[in-house]
Amino acid sequence: MNGIVQFIRSLIYVAIMLGATGTLVEATGIVGREAAKAHQHGGMSFRWLNQQLIGGSK
């Protein structure tokens, strides 16, 4: 009986790991596509970003 419980627990663990890995791969692909789009549009202004983060005056 204990062996069956361990087997089911292992299956659940493997399923969770596969799900997490799939989600991570998908998120990495989305971020990569967005980075490529940003690069094609000339990237972003770090001056603008710094003003947003620090609250500098224009």
C-alpha atoms as a PDB file:
ATOM      1  CA  MET A   1       0.000   0.000   0.000  1.00  0.00           C
ATOM      2  CA  ASN A   2       2.827   2.393   0.848  1.00  0.00           C
ATOM      3  CA  GLY A   3       4.436   1.689  -2.529  1.00  0.00           C
ATOM      4  CA  ILE A   4       1.257   2.683  -4.362  1.00  0.00           C
ATOM      5  CA  VAL A   5       1.048   5.962  -2.463  1.00  0.00           C
ATOM      6  CA  GLN A   6       4.705   6.711  -3.257  1.00  0.00           C
ATOM      7  CA  PHE A   7       4.096   5.916  -6.949  1.00  0.00           C
ATOM      8  CA  ILE A   8       1.077   8.240  -7.133  1.00  0.00           C
ATOM      9  CA  ARG A   9       2.992  10.948  -5.289  1.00  0.00           C
ATOM     10  CA  SER A  10       5.834  10.591  -7.805  1.00  0.00           C
ATOM     11  CA  LEU A  11       3.406  10.877 -10.719  1.00  0.00           C
ATOM     12  CA  ILE A  12       1.910  14.046  -9.258  1.00  0.00           C
ATOM     13  CA  TYR A  13       5.381  15.515  -8.692  1.00  0.00           C
ATOM     14  CA  VAL A  14       6.423  14.746 -12.279  1.00  0.00           C
ATOM     15  CA  ALA A  15       3.190  16.277 -13.625  1.00  0.00           C
ATOM     16  CA  ILE A  16       3.747  19.475 -11.634  1.00  0.00           C
ATOM     17  CA  MET A  17       7.354  19.725 -12.826  1.00  0.00           C
ATOM     18  CA  LEU A  18       6.353  19.205 -16.459  1.00  0.00           C
ATOM     19  CA  GLY A  19       3.661  21.859 -16.137  1.00  0.00           C
ATOM     20  CA  ALA A  20       6.050  24.344 -14.564  1.00  0.00           C
ATOM     21  CA  THR A  21       8.674  23.656 -17.221  1.00  0.00           C
ATOM     22  CA  GLY A  22       6.152  24.136 -20.013  1.00  0.00           C
ATOM     23  CA  THR A  23       4.998  27.426 -18.518  1.00  0.00           C
ATOM     24  CA  LEU A  24       8.584  28.651 -18.181  1.00  0.00           C
ATOM     25  CA  VAL A  25       9.373  27.752 -21.799  1.00  0.00           C
ATOM     26  CA  GLU A  26       6.221  29.522 -23.003  1.00  0.00           C
ATOM     27  CA  ALA A  27       6.980  32.646 -20.951  1.00  0.00           C
ATOM     28  CA  THR A  28      10.546  32.726 -22.268  1.00  0.00           C
ATOM     29  CA  GLY A  29       9.223  32.592 -25.838  1.00  0.00           C
ATOM     30  CA  ILE A  30       6.782  35.436 -25.184  1.00  0.00           C
ATOM     31  CA  VAL A  31       9.490  37.617 -23.645  1.00  0.00           C
ATOM     32  CA  GLY A  32      11.814  36.845 -26.555  1.00  0.00           C
ATOM     33  CA  ARG A  33       9.201  37.852 -29.130  1.00  0.00           C
ATOM     34  CA  GLU A  34       8.462  41.081 -27.262  1.00  0.00           C
ATOM     35  CA  ALA A  35      12.178  41.869 -27.046  1.00  0.00           C
ATOM     36  CA  ALA A  36      12.544  41.325 -30.792  1.00  0.00           C
ATOM     37  CA  LYS A  37       9.606  43.676 -31.453  1.00  0.00           C
ATOM     38  CA  ALA A  38      11.106  46.335 -29.172  1.00  0.00           C
ATOM     39  CA  HIS A  39      14.461  45.997 -30.900  1.00  0.00           C
ATOM     40  CA  GLN A  40      12.850  46.419 -34.328  1.00  0.00           C
ATOM     41  CA  HIS A  41      11.148  49.600 -33.156  1.00  0.00           C
ATOM     42  CA  GLY A  42      14.423  51.102 -31.972  1.00  0.00           C
ATOM     43  CA  GLY A  43      14.408  49.874 -28.398  1.00  0.00           C
ATOM     44  CA  MET A  44      13.577  52.243 -25.613  1.00  0.00           C
ATOM     45  CA  SER A  45      15.006  55.437 -24.232  1.00  0.00           C
ATOM     46  CA  PHE A  46      16.898  54.796 -21.022  1.00  0.00           C
ATOM     47  CA  ARG A  47      16.628  58.510 -20.273  1.00  0.00           C
ATOM     48  CA  TRP A  48      12.845  58.159 -20.307  1.00  0.00           C
ATOM     49  CA  LEU A  49      13.066  55.028 -18.130  1.00  0.00           C
ATOM     50  CA  ASN A  50      15.309  56.759 -15.607  1.00  0.00           C
ATOM     51  CA  GLN A  51      12.902  59.690 -15.417  1.00  0.00           C
ATOM     52  CA  GLN A  52      10.038  57.296 -14.742  1.00  0.00           C
ATOM     53  CA  LEU A  53      11.922  55.402 -12.038  1.00  0.00           C
ATOM     54  CA  ILE A  54      13.563  58.340 -10.302  1.00  0.00           C
ATOM     55  CA  GLY A  55      10.958  60.985 -11.039  1.00  0.00           C
ATOM     56  CA  GLY A  56      13.416  63.420 -12.580  1.00  0.00           C
ATOM     57  CA  SER A  57      12.257  66.692 -14.073  1.00  0.00           C
ATOM     58  CA  LYS A  58      12.109  67.303 -17.808  1.00  0.00           C
END
